[in-house]
Amino acid sequence: MRQFKIVVEKNPDGYVAYPLGLNGIVVGQGDSYEEALADVKSAIQFHIESFGSETLDLEPPVLEAFIAETGVNV
């Protein structure tokens, strides 16, 4: 068993979830927070089964994740 840090975003259309520390693009979605987490868990398992455990070889590993906000002139 391996633990993943998951970012979950709430949008007007529902929830989107994606893991940190995994090579490749993996996304889950759902109408609720729980559905998005379940979907991304399934997507992670499929990704590893499809592309192998080398997708886990990310150095350095993600130790912590933070959400920050900043302004940018556009």
C-alpha atoms as a PDB file:
ATOM      1  CA  MET A   1       0.000   0.000   0.000  1.00  0.00           C
ATOM      2  CA  ARG A   2       1.275   3.455  -0.880  1.00  0.00           C
ATOM      3  CA  GLN A   3      -0.184   6.734   0.334  1.00  0.00           C
ATOM      4  CA  PHE A   4      -0.745   9.618  -2.116  1.00  0.00           C
ATOM      5  CA  LYS A   5      -1.423  13.260  -1.464  1.00  0.00           C
ATOM      6  CA  ILE A   6      -4.552  14.202  -3.415  1.00  0.00           C
ATOM      7  CA  VAL A   7      -5.592  17.701  -4.463  1.00  0.00           C
ATOM      8  CA  VAL A   8      -9.366  18.106  -4.672  1.00  0.00           C
ATOM      9  CA  GLU A   9     -10.876  21.138  -6.376  1.00  0.00           C
ATOM     10  CA  LYS A  10     -14.521  22.142  -6.140  1.00  0.00           C
ATOM     11  CA  ASN A  11     -15.829  23.683  -9.361  1.00  0.00           C
ATOM     12  CA  PRO A  12     -19.317  24.752 -10.461  1.00  0.00           C
ATOM     13  CA  ASP A  13     -19.666  21.405 -12.292  1.00  0.00           C
ATOM     14  CA  GLY A  14     -18.513  19.189  -9.396  1.00  0.00           C
ATOM     15  CA  TYR A  15     -15.211  18.015  -7.956  1.00  0.00           C
ATOM     16  CA  VAL A  16     -11.894  17.212  -9.624  1.00  0.00           C
ATOM     17  CA  ALA A  17      -9.118  15.284  -7.869  1.00  0.00           C
ATOM     18  CA  TYR A  18      -5.533  14.564  -8.855  1.00  0.00           C
ATOM     19  CA  PRO A  19      -2.567  12.960  -7.077  1.00  0.00           C
ATOM     20  CA  LEU A  20       0.807  14.522  -6.382  1.00  0.00           C
ATOM     21  CA  GLY A  21       4.008  12.521  -6.776  1.00  0.00           C
ATOM     22  CA  LEU A  22       2.999  10.329  -9.695  1.00  0.00           C
ATOM     23  CA  ASN A  23       4.602  10.434 -13.145  1.00  0.00           C
ATOM     24  CA  GLY A  24       1.922  11.042 -15.751  1.00  0.00           C
ATOM     25  CA  ILE A  25      -1.488  12.627 -15.717  1.00  0.00           C
ATOM     26  CA  VAL A  26      -4.162  11.081 -13.518  1.00  0.00           C
ATOM     27  CA  VAL A  27      -7.477  12.807 -12.783  1.00  0.00           C
ATOM     28  CA  GLY A  28     -10.685  11.777 -11.065  1.00  0.00           C
ATOM     29  CA  GLN A  29     -14.000  13.578 -10.937  1.00  0.00           C
ATOM     30  CA  GLY A  30     -17.386  13.328  -9.303  1.00  0.00           C
ATOM     31  CA  ASP A  31     -20.470  15.148  -8.139  1.00  0.00           C
ATOM     32  CA  SER A  32     -19.209  14.959  -4.542  1.00  0.00           C
ATOM     33  CA  TYR A  33     -15.871  15.063  -2.737  1.00  0.00           C
ATOM     34  CA  GLU A  34     -16.165  11.350  -1.953  1.00  0.00           C
ATOM     35  CA  GLU A  35     -16.982  10.434  -5.562  1.00  0.00           C
ATOM     36  CA  ALA A  36     -13.953  12.364  -6.825  1.00  0.00           C
ATOM     37  CA  LEU A  37     -11.673  10.615  -4.311  1.00  0.00           C
ATOM     38  CA  ALA A  38     -13.022   7.195  -5.259  1.00  0.00           C
ATOM     39  CA  ASP A  39     -12.610   7.987  -8.964  1.00  0.00           C
ATOM     40  CA  VAL A  40      -9.028   9.212  -8.600  1.00  0.00           C
ATOM     41  CA  LYS A  41      -8.140   6.137  -6.513  1.00  0.00           C
ATOM     42  CA  SER A  42      -9.436   3.938  -9.323  1.00  0.00           C
ATOM     43  CA  ALA A  43      -7.546   6.048 -11.888  1.00  0.00           C
ATOM     44  CA  ILE A  44      -4.291   5.726  -9.909  1.00  0.00           C
ATOM     45  CA  GLN A  45      -4.661   1.933  -9.771  1.00  0.00           C
ATOM     46  CA  PHE A  46      -5.373   1.777 -13.518  1.00  0.00           C
ATOM     47  CA  HIS A  47      -2.401   4.065 -14.287  1.00  0.00           C
ATOM     48  CA  ILE A  48       0.014   1.885 -12.308  1.00  0.00           C
ATOM     49  CA  GLU A  49      -1.394  -1.328 -13.833  1.00  0.00           C
ATOM     50  CA  SER A  50      -1.093   0.171 -17.341  1.00  0.00           C
ATOM     51  CA  PHE A  51       2.313   1.846 -17.112  1.00  0.00           C
ATOM     52  CA  GLY A  52       4.038  -0.079 -14.319  1.00  0.00           C
ATOM     53  CA  SER A  53       5.496   0.794 -10.967  1.00  0.00           C
ATOM     54  CA  GLU A  54       8.132   3.049 -12.577  1.00  0.00           C
ATOM     55  CA  THR A  55       5.413   5.725 -12.619  1.00  0.00           C
ATOM     56  CA  LEU A  56       6.021   5.876  -8.851  1.00  0.00           C
ATOM     57  CA  ASP A  57       9.731   6.653  -9.234  1.00  0.00           C
ATOM     58  CA  LEU A  58       9.579  10.366  -8.556  1.00  0.00           C
ATOM     59  CA  GLU A  59      12.521  11.953  -6.772  1.00  0.00           C
ATOM     60  CA  PRO A  60      12.366  13.753  -4.498  1.00  0.00           C
ATOM     61  CA  PRO A  61       9.055  12.492  -3.088  1.00  0.00           C
ATOM     62  CA  VAL A  62       6.344  14.977  -2.163  1.00  0.00           C
ATOM     63  CA  LEU A  63       6.650  15.476   1.598  1.00  0.00           C
ATOM     64  CA  GLU A  64       4.022  18.187   2.036  1.00  0.00           C
ATOM     65  CA  ALA A  65       1.607  20.087  -0.165  1.00  0.00           C
ATOM     66  CA  PHE A  66       0.421  23.657   0.288  1.00  0.00           C
ATOM     67  CA  ILE A  67      -2.214  25.803  -1.380  1.00  0.00           C
ATOM     68  CA  ALA A  68      -1.112  29.403  -1.884  1.00  0.00           C
ATOM     69  CA  GLU A  69      -2.619  32.414  -3.584  1.00  0.00           C
ATOM     70  CA  THR A  70      -0.885  35.317  -5.303  1.00  0.00           C
ATOM     71  CA  GLY A  71      -1.890  38.173  -7.559  1.00  0.00           C
ATOM     72  CA  VAL A  72      -0.522  38.615 -11.084  1.00  0.00           C
ATOM     73  CA  ASN A  73      -1.025  41.665 -13.281  1.00  0.00           C
ATOM     74  CA  VAL A  74      -2.738  40.625 -16.504  1.00  0.00           C
END
